[in-house]
C-alpha cells in the first residue's frame, strides 16, 4: 500500500492530498500542517515516488486504485486536493468511484492529454553523480547545470535519499510511462460532487478550451484563478492556496 503522512486529529473531516510528478506527500508539509487544525490530513506518496512501493507501471487507473486502497483501509470518504499528475489521479478516482470522494479540488491540471514532455528533468537527475553528493546543497549545485529554475532544483532534491545516495523516484518507469502521465484515460463515468478547478494565472495547464470537457465530466465544476501564480501555485502562494482550499471545503454552498 502507498506510504502516507498524517496530520491532525482522526476525528476531524478527512482531507487527502495527492502530489504531482516528481513530488511526495512531504512536499505538502506546510499546507498539510496548517490545514490539520480543521482536517485530518492524509498526504500520500504516489507509486514510484517518495517512500511508496515501486511498480512496473505508472498509469492513472493504477494510481486511482492505489488511492482507493488507502481510502478503504482508513474507512473514510475524504475531500481531496490533487495537483498536476496527482490531480489527474484524483479525477480518475472520482470518476470511477464517486461514492468514495466527498469534495474535489484540482490544482492546475485538466482531464486532457498534454503535448509537452517532462523527461528532461529525469535526464538531469540521472546526470548527477550521487556518489559525490554529501549534502543536499551538493545535489542542488550539480542540478543547476541542467535545470535553471532554482525552485525546481530545490524541489527535485527533496526526493533525494542522501543516506543511501539514491533518488526516491523510479526514474526508469517514470521515463518509459511518460506518455501515459501526459495523457488522460477515457472514462464513461461522471462526478456530481462539488469540484473546484484552481489554476495559476501564469499557467497554461487549464485553458478556456478545456472547460467543456471538464464540465461534461464534473457536473458541479467551478473555476478559480490565483493571480500572479504559475503551475506550482500551492508553493508560490501557500497562504492564498490554503485559504481558498479551506473556504471551498467548508463553505461550498456559498462558493
C-alpha atoms as a PDB file:
ATOM      1  CA  UNK A   1       0.000   0.000   0.000  1.00  0.00           C
ATOM      2  CA  UNK A   2       1.055   3.597  -0.535  1.00  0.00           C
ATOM      3  CA  UNK A   3       3.077   5.378   2.096  1.00  0.00           C
ATOM      4  CA  UNK A   4       1.339   8.397   3.603  1.00  0.00           C
ATOM      5  CA  UNK A   5       1.843  11.022   6.300  1.00  0.00           C
ATOM      6  CA  UNK A   6      -0.979  12.183   8.545  1.00  0.00           C
ATOM      7  CA  UNK A   7      -1.579  15.459  10.333  1.00  0.00           C
ATOM      8  CA  UNK A   8      -4.342  16.422  12.748  1.00  0.00           C
ATOM      9  CA  UNK A   9      -6.995  14.547  14.692  1.00  0.00           C
ATOM     10  CA  UNK A  10      -8.578  11.424  13.196  1.00  0.00           C
ATOM     11  CA  UNK A  11     -11.960  12.711  14.378  1.00  0.00           C
ATOM     12  CA  UNK A  12     -11.716  15.726  12.031  1.00  0.00           C
ATOM     13  CA  UNK A  13     -13.098  15.649   8.463  1.00  0.00           C
ATOM     14  CA  UNK A  14     -10.610  13.734   6.276  1.00  0.00           C
ATOM     15  CA  UNK A  15      -8.634  15.528   3.583  1.00  0.00           C
ATOM     16  CA  UNK A  16      -6.326  13.627   1.233  1.00  0.00           C
ATOM     17  CA  UNK A  17      -3.530  15.442  -0.617  1.00  0.00           C
ATOM     18  CA  UNK A  18      -2.192  13.888  -3.829  1.00  0.00           C
ATOM     19  CA  UNK A  19       1.082  15.385  -5.097  1.00  0.00           C
ATOM     20  CA  UNK A  20       2.305  15.900  -8.643  1.00  0.00           C
ATOM     21  CA  UNK A  21       5.061  14.371 -10.771  1.00  0.00           C
ATOM     22  CA  UNK A  22       8.472  14.085  -9.040  1.00  0.00           C
ATOM     23  CA  UNK A  23       6.893  15.111  -5.724  1.00  0.00           C
ATOM     24  CA  UNK A  24       5.836  13.446  -2.490  1.00  0.00           C
ATOM     25  CA  UNK A  25       3.460  13.952   0.391  1.00  0.00           C
ATOM     26  CA  UNK A  26       6.283  15.606   2.302  1.00  0.00           C
ATOM     27  CA  UNK A  27       6.375  18.452  -0.241  1.00  0.00           C
ATOM     28  CA  UNK A  28       2.948  19.491   1.046  1.00  0.00           C
ATOM     29  CA  UNK A  29       4.031  19.566   4.696  1.00  0.00           C
ATOM     30  CA  UNK A  30       3.462  23.275   5.334  1.00  0.00           C
ATOM     31  CA  UNK A  31      -0.058  23.356   3.896  1.00  0.00           C
ATOM     32  CA  UNK A  32      -0.922  19.955   5.400  1.00  0.00           C
ATOM     33  CA  UNK A  33       0.100  21.061   8.891  1.00  0.00           C
ATOM     34  CA  UNK A  34      -1.802  24.321   8.641  1.00  0.00           C
ATOM     35  CA  UNK A  35      -4.966  22.603   7.409  1.00  0.00           C
ATOM     36  CA  UNK A  36      -4.650  19.987  10.155  1.00  0.00           C
ATOM     37  CA  UNK A  37      -6.249  22.326  12.695  1.00  0.00           C
ATOM     38  CA  UNK A  38      -9.516  21.708  10.849  1.00  0.00           C
ATOM     39  CA  UNK A  39      -8.996  18.460   8.914  1.00  0.00           C
ATOM     40  CA  UNK A  40      -7.427  15.042   9.331  1.00  0.00           C
ATOM     41  CA  UNK A  41      -4.892  15.381   6.528  1.00  0.00           C
ATOM     42  CA  UNK A  42      -3.522  12.335   4.697  1.00  0.00           C
ATOM     43  CA  UNK A  43      -0.644  13.246   2.360  1.00  0.00           C
ATOM     44  CA  UNK A  44       0.171  10.240   0.188  1.00  0.00           C
ATOM     45  CA  UNK A  45       3.263   9.296  -1.784  1.00  0.00           C
ATOM     46  CA  UNK A  46       2.075   8.047  -5.168  1.00  0.00           C
ATOM     47  CA  UNK A  47       3.552   4.851  -6.617  1.00  0.00           C
ATOM     48  CA  UNK A  48       7.145   5.203  -7.826  1.00  0.00           C
ATOM     49  CA  UNK A  49       7.526   8.316  -5.639  1.00  0.00           C
ATOM     50  CA  UNK A  50       8.719   9.035  -2.126  1.00  0.00           C
ATOM     51  CA  UNK A  51       8.560   6.092   0.262  1.00  0.00           C
ATOM     52  CA  UNK A  52       5.828   4.224  -1.619  1.00  0.00           C
ATOM     53  CA  UNK A  53       6.489   0.945  -3.470  1.00  0.00           C
ATOM     54  CA  UNK A  54       7.898   0.909  -6.979  1.00  0.00           C
ATOM     55  CA  UNK A  55       5.870  -0.761  -9.716  1.00  0.00           C
ATOM     56  CA  UNK A  56       6.491  -1.557 -13.369  1.00  0.00           C
ATOM     57  CA  UNK A  57       3.548   0.625 -14.418  1.00  0.00           C
ATOM     58  CA  UNK A  58       2.523   4.225 -13.865  1.00  0.00           C
ATOM     59  CA  UNK A  59      -0.917   4.792 -15.345  1.00  0.00           C
ATOM     60  CA  UNK A  60      -3.892   6.666 -13.914  1.00  0.00           C
ATOM     61  CA  UNK A  61      -6.126   3.643 -13.398  1.00  0.00           C
ATOM     62  CA  UNK A  62      -3.404   2.065 -11.247  1.00  0.00           C
ATOM     63  CA  UNK A  63      -2.772   5.285  -9.346  1.00  0.00           C
ATOM     64  CA  UNK A  64      -6.504   5.685  -8.685  1.00  0.00           C
ATOM     65  CA  UNK A  65      -6.722   2.080  -7.457  1.00  0.00           C
ATOM     66  CA  UNK A  66      -3.817   2.776  -5.091  1.00  0.00           C
ATOM     67  CA  UNK A  67      -5.768   5.692  -3.636  1.00  0.00           C
ATOM     68  CA  UNK A  68      -8.855   3.513  -3.258  1.00  0.00           C
ATOM     69  CA  UNK A  69      -6.777   1.083  -1.210  1.00  0.00           C
ATOM     70  CA  UNK A  70      -5.710   3.835   1.192  1.00  0.00           C
ATOM     71  CA  UNK A  71      -9.227   5.260   1.462  1.00  0.00           C
ATOM     72  CA  UNK A  72     -10.832   1.900   2.181  1.00  0.00           C
ATOM     73  CA  UNK A  73      -8.124   0.934   4.684  1.00  0.00           C
ATOM     74  CA  UNK A  74      -8.838   4.128   6.630  1.00  0.00           C
ATOM     75  CA  UNK A  75     -12.610   3.763   6.182  1.00  0.00           C
ATOM     76  CA  UNK A  76     -13.032   7.387   5.109  1.00  0.00           C
ATOM     77  CA  UNK A  77     -14.770   9.422   2.432  1.00  0.00           C
ATOM     78  CA  UNK A  78     -12.304  12.266   2.062  1.00  0.00           C
ATOM     79  CA  UNK A  79     -12.148  15.646   0.489  1.00  0.00           C
ATOM     80  CA  UNK A  80      -9.247  15.537  -1.956  1.00  0.00           C
ATOM     81  CA  UNK A  81      -6.658  18.014  -3.198  1.00  0.00           C
ATOM     82  CA  UNK A  82      -4.821  16.808  -6.297  1.00  0.00           C
ATOM     83  CA  UNK A  83      -2.086  18.775  -8.041  1.00  0.00           C
ATOM     84  CA  UNK A  84      -0.939  18.194 -11.627  1.00  0.00           C
ATOM     85  CA  UNK A  85      -0.363  14.429 -12.092  1.00  0.00           C
ATOM     86  CA  UNK A  86      -1.956  13.910  -8.693  1.00  0.00           C
ATOM     87  CA  UNK A  87      -4.923  15.919  -9.885  1.00  0.00           C
ATOM     88  CA  UNK A  88      -5.388  13.565 -12.812  1.00  0.00           C
ATOM     89  CA  UNK A  89      -5.153  10.570 -10.472  1.00  0.00           C
ATOM     90  CA  UNK A  90      -7.740  12.176  -8.188  1.00  0.00           C
ATOM     91  CA  UNK A  91     -10.046  12.851 -11.143  1.00  0.00           C
ATOM     92  CA  UNK A  92      -9.873   9.228 -12.282  1.00  0.00           C
ATOM     93  CA  UNK A  93     -10.552   8.113  -8.717  1.00  0.00           C
ATOM     94  CA  UNK A  94     -13.641  10.339  -8.517  1.00  0.00           C
ATOM     95  CA  UNK A  95     -14.956   9.343 -11.949  1.00  0.00           C
ATOM     96  CA  UNK A  96     -14.557   5.619 -11.266  1.00  0.00           C
ATOM     97  CA  UNK A  97     -15.528   5.655  -7.578  1.00  0.00           C
ATOM     98  CA  UNK A  98     -17.706   8.732  -6.987  1.00  0.00           C
ATOM     99  CA  UNK A  99     -19.086   7.373  -3.722  1.00  0.00           C
ATOM    100  CA  UNK A 100     -15.596   7.352  -2.190  1.00  0.00           C
ATOM    101  CA  UNK A 101     -14.983  11.087  -2.687  1.00  0.00           C
ATOM    102  CA  UNK A 102     -16.632  13.983  -0.913  1.00  0.00           C
ATOM    103  CA  UNK A 103     -15.335  17.200  -2.496  1.00  0.00           C
ATOM    104  CA  UNK A 104     -12.557  17.588  -5.029  1.00  0.00           C
ATOM    105  CA  UNK A 105     -10.045  20.400  -5.533  1.00  0.00           C
ATOM    106  CA  UNK A 106      -7.976  20.017  -8.700  1.00  0.00           C
ATOM    107  CA  UNK A 107      -4.909  22.246  -8.757  1.00  0.00           C
ATOM    108  CA  UNK A 108      -3.785  23.424 -12.198  1.00  0.00           C
ATOM    109  CA  UNK A 109      -4.481  20.437 -14.405  1.00  0.00           C
ATOM    110  CA  UNK A 110      -7.252  19.389 -16.808  1.00  0.00           C
ATOM    111  CA  UNK A 111      -8.535  15.925 -17.845  1.00  0.00           C
ATOM    112  CA  UNK A 112      -6.791  16.161 -21.213  1.00  0.00           C
ATOM    113  CA  UNK A 113      -3.672  14.980 -22.998  1.00  0.00           C
ATOM    114  CA  UNK A 114      -0.706  17.360 -22.936  1.00  0.00           C
ATOM    115  CA  UNK A 115       1.933  17.537 -25.627  1.00  0.00           C
ATOM    116  CA  UNK A 116       4.867  18.854 -23.598  1.00  0.00           C
ATOM    117  CA  UNK A 117       7.361  16.412 -22.107  1.00  0.00           C
ATOM    118  CA  UNK A 118       8.836  16.303 -18.607  1.00  0.00           C
ATOM    119  CA  UNK A 119      11.544  13.749 -19.396  1.00  0.00           C
ATOM    120  CA  UNK A 120      14.299  16.381 -19.479  1.00  0.00           C
ATOM    121  CA  UNK A 121      14.184  16.510 -15.694  1.00  0.00           C
ATOM    122  CA  UNK A 122      14.689  12.757 -15.478  1.00  0.00           C
ATOM    123  CA  UNK A 123      17.758  13.094 -17.651  1.00  0.00           C
ATOM    124  CA  UNK A 124      19.020  15.912 -15.431  1.00  0.00           C
ATOM    125  CA  UNK A 125      18.656  13.791 -12.292  1.00  0.00           C
ATOM    126  CA  UNK A 126      20.365  10.854 -13.985  1.00  0.00           C
ATOM    127  CA  UNK A 127      23.369  13.022 -14.784  1.00  0.00           C
ATOM    128  CA  UNK A 128      24.092  13.720 -11.116  1.00  0.00           C
ATOM    129  CA  UNK A 129      26.914  11.590  -9.697  1.00  0.00           C
ATOM    130  CA  UNK A 130      25.294  10.768  -6.368  1.00  0.00           C
ATOM    131  CA  UNK A 131      28.463   9.102  -5.082  1.00  0.00           C
ATOM    132  CA  UNK A 132      29.931  12.609  -4.817  1.00  0.00           C
ATOM    133  CA  UNK A 133      26.896  14.126  -3.091  1.00  0.00           C
ATOM    134  CA  UNK A 134      27.405  14.581   0.650  1.00  0.00           C
ATOM    135  CA  UNK A 135      24.698  17.140   1.357  1.00  0.00           C
ATOM    136  CA  UNK A 136      21.581  18.382  -0.373  1.00  0.00           C
ATOM    137  CA  UNK A 137      23.271  21.591  -1.493  1.00  0.00           C
ATOM    138  CA  UNK A 138      25.780  19.497  -3.463  1.00  0.00           C
ATOM    139  CA  UNK A 139      22.945  17.992  -5.470  1.00  0.00           C
ATOM    140  CA  UNK A 140      21.295  21.381  -5.940  1.00  0.00           C
ATOM    141  CA  UNK A 141      24.531  22.812  -7.307  1.00  0.00           C
ATOM    142  CA  UNK A 142      25.006  19.841  -9.640  1.00  0.00           C
ATOM    143  CA  UNK A 143      21.421  20.126 -10.897  1.00  0.00           C
ATOM    144  CA  UNK A 144      21.884  23.824 -11.605  1.00  0.00           C
ATOM    145  CA  UNK A 145      23.957  22.879 -14.661  1.00  0.00           C
ATOM    146  CA  UNK A 146      20.896  21.267 -16.230  1.00  0.00           C
ATOM    147  CA  UNK A 147      17.895  22.926 -14.506  1.00  0.00           C
ATOM    148  CA  UNK A 148      17.866  26.732 -14.486  1.00  0.00           C
ATOM    149  CA  UNK A 149      14.884  27.291 -12.170  1.00  0.00           C
ATOM    150  CA  UNK A 150      16.154  27.371  -8.573  1.00  0.00           C
ATOM    151  CA  UNK A 151      12.766  26.412  -7.152  1.00  0.00           C
ATOM    152  CA  UNK A 152      12.776  23.268  -9.311  1.00  0.00           C
ATOM    153  CA  UNK A 153      16.328  22.451  -8.203  1.00  0.00           C
ATOM    154  CA  UNK A 154      15.203  22.564  -4.575  1.00  0.00           C
ATOM    155  CA  UNK A 155      12.016  20.666  -5.372  1.00  0.00           C
ATOM    156  CA  UNK A 156      13.829  17.767  -7.043  1.00  0.00           C
ATOM    157  CA  UNK A 157      16.417  17.411  -4.275  1.00  0.00           C
ATOM    158  CA  UNK A 158      13.612  16.895  -1.759  1.00  0.00           C
ATOM    159  CA  UNK A 159      13.267  13.463  -3.388  1.00  0.00           C
ATOM    160  CA  UNK A 160      16.917  12.615  -2.763  1.00  0.00           C
ATOM    161  CA  UNK A 161      17.808   9.904  -0.243  1.00  0.00           C
ATOM    162  CA  UNK A 162      21.167  11.233   0.918  1.00  0.00           C
ATOM    163  CA  UNK A 163      21.935   8.328   3.234  1.00  0.00           C
ATOM    164  CA  UNK A 164      21.566   5.711   0.515  1.00  0.00           C
ATOM    165  CA  UNK A 165      22.603   8.025  -2.322  1.00  0.00           C
ATOM    166  CA  UNK A 166      19.563   7.349  -4.469  1.00  0.00           C
ATOM    167  CA  UNK A 167      16.551   9.140  -5.844  1.00  0.00           C
ATOM    168  CA  UNK A 168      13.215   8.320  -4.212  1.00  0.00           C
ATOM    169  CA  UNK A 169      11.816   8.312  -7.729  1.00  0.00           C
ATOM    170  CA  UNK A 170      11.581   5.349 -10.076  1.00  0.00           C
ATOM    171  CA  UNK A 171      13.176   7.295 -12.909  1.00  0.00           C
ATOM    172  CA  UNK A 172      13.235   4.373 -15.364  1.00  0.00           C
ATOM    173  CA  UNK A 173       9.500   3.692 -15.080  1.00  0.00           C
ATOM    174  CA  UNK A 174       8.550   7.372 -14.996  1.00  0.00           C
ATOM    175  CA  UNK A 175      10.508   7.784 -18.217  1.00  0.00           C
ATOM    176  CA  UNK A 176       9.033   4.779 -20.003  1.00  0.00           C
ATOM    177  CA  UNK A 177       5.488   5.636 -18.832  1.00  0.00           C
ATOM    178  CA  UNK A 178       5.727   9.375 -19.526  1.00  0.00           C
ATOM    179  CA  UNK A 179       3.283   9.115 -22.436  1.00  0.00           C
ATOM    180  CA  UNK A 180       0.657   7.788 -20.011  1.00  0.00           C
ATOM    181  CA  UNK A 181       1.389  10.538 -17.495  1.00  0.00           C
ATOM    182  CA  UNK A 182       0.825  13.201 -20.146  1.00  0.00           C
ATOM    183  CA  UNK A 183      -2.378  11.522 -21.354  1.00  0.00           C
ATOM    184  CA  UNK A 184      -5.767  11.124 -19.673  1.00  0.00           C
ATOM    185  CA  UNK A 185      -7.781   7.903 -19.964  1.00  0.00           C
ATOM    186  CA  UNK A 186     -11.242   7.793 -21.482  1.00  0.00           C
ATOM    187  CA  UNK A 187     -13.752   7.124 -18.708  1.00  0.00           C
ATOM    188  CA  UNK A 188     -17.512   6.870 -19.092  1.00  0.00           C
ATOM    189  CA  UNK A 189     -18.288   7.916 -15.510  1.00  0.00           C
ATOM    190  CA  UNK A 190     -19.147  11.363 -14.177  1.00  0.00           C
ATOM    191  CA  UNK A 191     -18.624  13.001 -10.801  1.00  0.00           C
ATOM    192  CA  UNK A 192     -21.543  15.017  -9.461  1.00  0.00           C
ATOM    193  CA  UNK A 193     -19.842  16.184  -6.274  1.00  0.00           C
ATOM    194  CA  UNK A 194     -18.622  19.724  -5.779  1.00  0.00           C
ATOM    195  CA  UNK A 195     -15.361  20.230  -7.705  1.00  0.00           C
ATOM    196  CA  UNK A 196     -13.064  23.240  -7.837  1.00  0.00           C
ATOM    197  CA  UNK A 197     -10.553  23.667 -10.670  1.00  0.00           C
ATOM    198  CA  UNK A 198      -7.952  26.017  -9.237  1.00  0.00           C
ATOM    199  CA  UNK A 199      -5.477  27.414 -11.753  1.00  0.00           C
ATOM    200  CA  UNK A 200      -2.472  29.692 -11.597  1.00  0.00           C
ATOM    201  CA  UNK A 201      -2.900  32.864 -13.651  1.00  0.00           C
ATOM    202  CA  UNK A 202       0.512  32.412 -15.289  1.00  0.00           C
ATOM    203  CA  UNK A 203      -0.065  28.747 -16.134  1.00  0.00           C
ATOM    204  CA  UNK A 204      -1.418  27.286 -19.375  1.00  0.00           C
ATOM    205  CA  UNK A 205      -2.472  23.928 -17.939  1.00  0.00           C
ATOM    206  CA  UNK A 206      -6.152  24.870 -17.602  1.00  0.00           C
ATOM    207  CA  UNK A 207      -7.322  26.912 -20.586  1.00  0.00           C
ATOM    208  CA  UNK A 208     -10.772  28.136 -21.667  1.00  0.00           C
ATOM    209  CA  UNK A 209     -10.852  25.413 -24.335  1.00  0.00           C
ATOM    210  CA  UNK A 210     -10.749  22.793 -21.563  1.00  0.00           C
ATOM    211  CA  UNK A 211     -13.886  23.964 -19.774  1.00  0.00           C
ATOM    212  CA  UNK A 212     -16.240  21.971 -21.976  1.00  0.00           C
ATOM    213  CA  UNK A 213     -14.646  18.600 -21.282  1.00  0.00           C
ATOM    214  CA  UNK A 214     -14.241  19.478 -17.603  1.00  0.00           C
ATOM    215  CA  UNK A 215     -17.902  20.392 -17.203  1.00  0.00           C
ATOM    216  CA  UNK A 216     -19.036  17.273 -19.062  1.00  0.00           C
ATOM    217  CA  UNK A 217     -17.221  15.041 -16.553  1.00  0.00           C
ATOM    218  CA  UNK A 218     -17.541  17.102 -13.377  1.00  0.00           C
ATOM    219  CA  UNK A 219     -21.144  18.261 -13.179  1.00  0.00           C
ATOM    220  CA  UNK A 220     -20.641  20.861 -10.450  1.00  0.00           C
ATOM    221  CA  UNK A 221     -17.268  22.155 -11.626  1.00  0.00           C
ATOM    222  CA  UNK A 222     -16.288  25.673 -10.643  1.00  0.00           C
ATOM    223  CA  UNK A 223     -13.215  27.629 -11.694  1.00  0.00           C
ATOM    224  CA  UNK A 224     -10.966  29.946  -9.708  1.00  0.00           C
ATOM    225  CA  UNK A 225      -7.715  31.662 -10.771  1.00  0.00           C
ATOM    226  CA  UNK A 226      -4.923  32.582  -8.373  1.00  0.00           C
ATOM    227  CA  UNK A 227      -3.335  35.852  -9.519  1.00  0.00           C
ATOM    228  CA  UNK A 228       0.409  36.099 -10.105  1.00  0.00           C
ATOM    229  CA  UNK A 229       0.875  32.337  -9.660  1.00  0.00           C
ATOM    230  CA  UNK A 230       2.030  29.627 -12.042  1.00  0.00           C
ATOM    231  CA  UNK A 231       1.699  25.864 -12.152  1.00  0.00           C
ATOM    232  CA  UNK A 232       3.193  25.452  -8.651  1.00  0.00           C
ATOM    233  CA  UNK A 233       0.563  27.760  -7.160  1.00  0.00           C
ATOM    234  CA  UNK A 234       0.496  25.980  -3.788  1.00  0.00           C
ATOM    235  CA  UNK A 235       4.253  26.520  -3.364  1.00  0.00           C
ATOM    236  CA  UNK A 236       4.287  30.046  -4.778  1.00  0.00           C
ATOM    237  CA  UNK A 237       1.366  31.309  -2.694  1.00  0.00           C
ATOM    238  CA  UNK A 238       0.774  28.776   0.087  1.00  0.00           C
ATOM    239  CA  UNK A 239      -1.361  31.046   2.288  1.00  0.00           C
ATOM    240  CA  UNK A 240      -3.669  32.005  -0.572  1.00  0.00           C
ATOM    241  CA  UNK A 241      -3.905  28.369  -1.651  1.00  0.00           C
ATOM    242  CA  UNK A 242      -4.682  27.272   1.887  1.00  0.00           C
ATOM    243  CA  UNK A 243      -7.363  29.936   2.338  1.00  0.00           C
ATOM    244  CA  UNK A 244      -9.161  29.002  -0.883  1.00  0.00           C
ATOM    245  CA  UNK A 245      -8.978  25.286  -0.056  1.00  0.00           C
ATOM    246  CA  UNK A 246     -10.265  25.833   3.469  1.00  0.00           C
ATOM    247  CA  UNK A 247     -13.124  28.008   2.225  1.00  0.00           C
ATOM    248  CA  UNK A 248     -14.038  25.547  -0.541  1.00  0.00           C
ATOM    249  CA  UNK A 249     -14.158  22.529   1.724  1.00  0.00           C
ATOM    250  CA  UNK A 250     -16.144  24.237   4.490  1.00  0.00           C
ATOM    251  CA  UNK A 251     -18.331  26.808   2.711  1.00  0.00           C
ATOM    252  CA  UNK A 252     -19.141  25.032  -0.547  1.00  0.00           C
ATOM    253  CA  UNK A 253     -22.798  26.053  -0.629  1.00  0.00           C
ATOM    254  CA  UNK A 254     -21.998  29.754  -0.890  1.00  0.00           C
ATOM    255  CA  UNK A 255     -18.852  29.493  -3.038  1.00  0.00           C
END
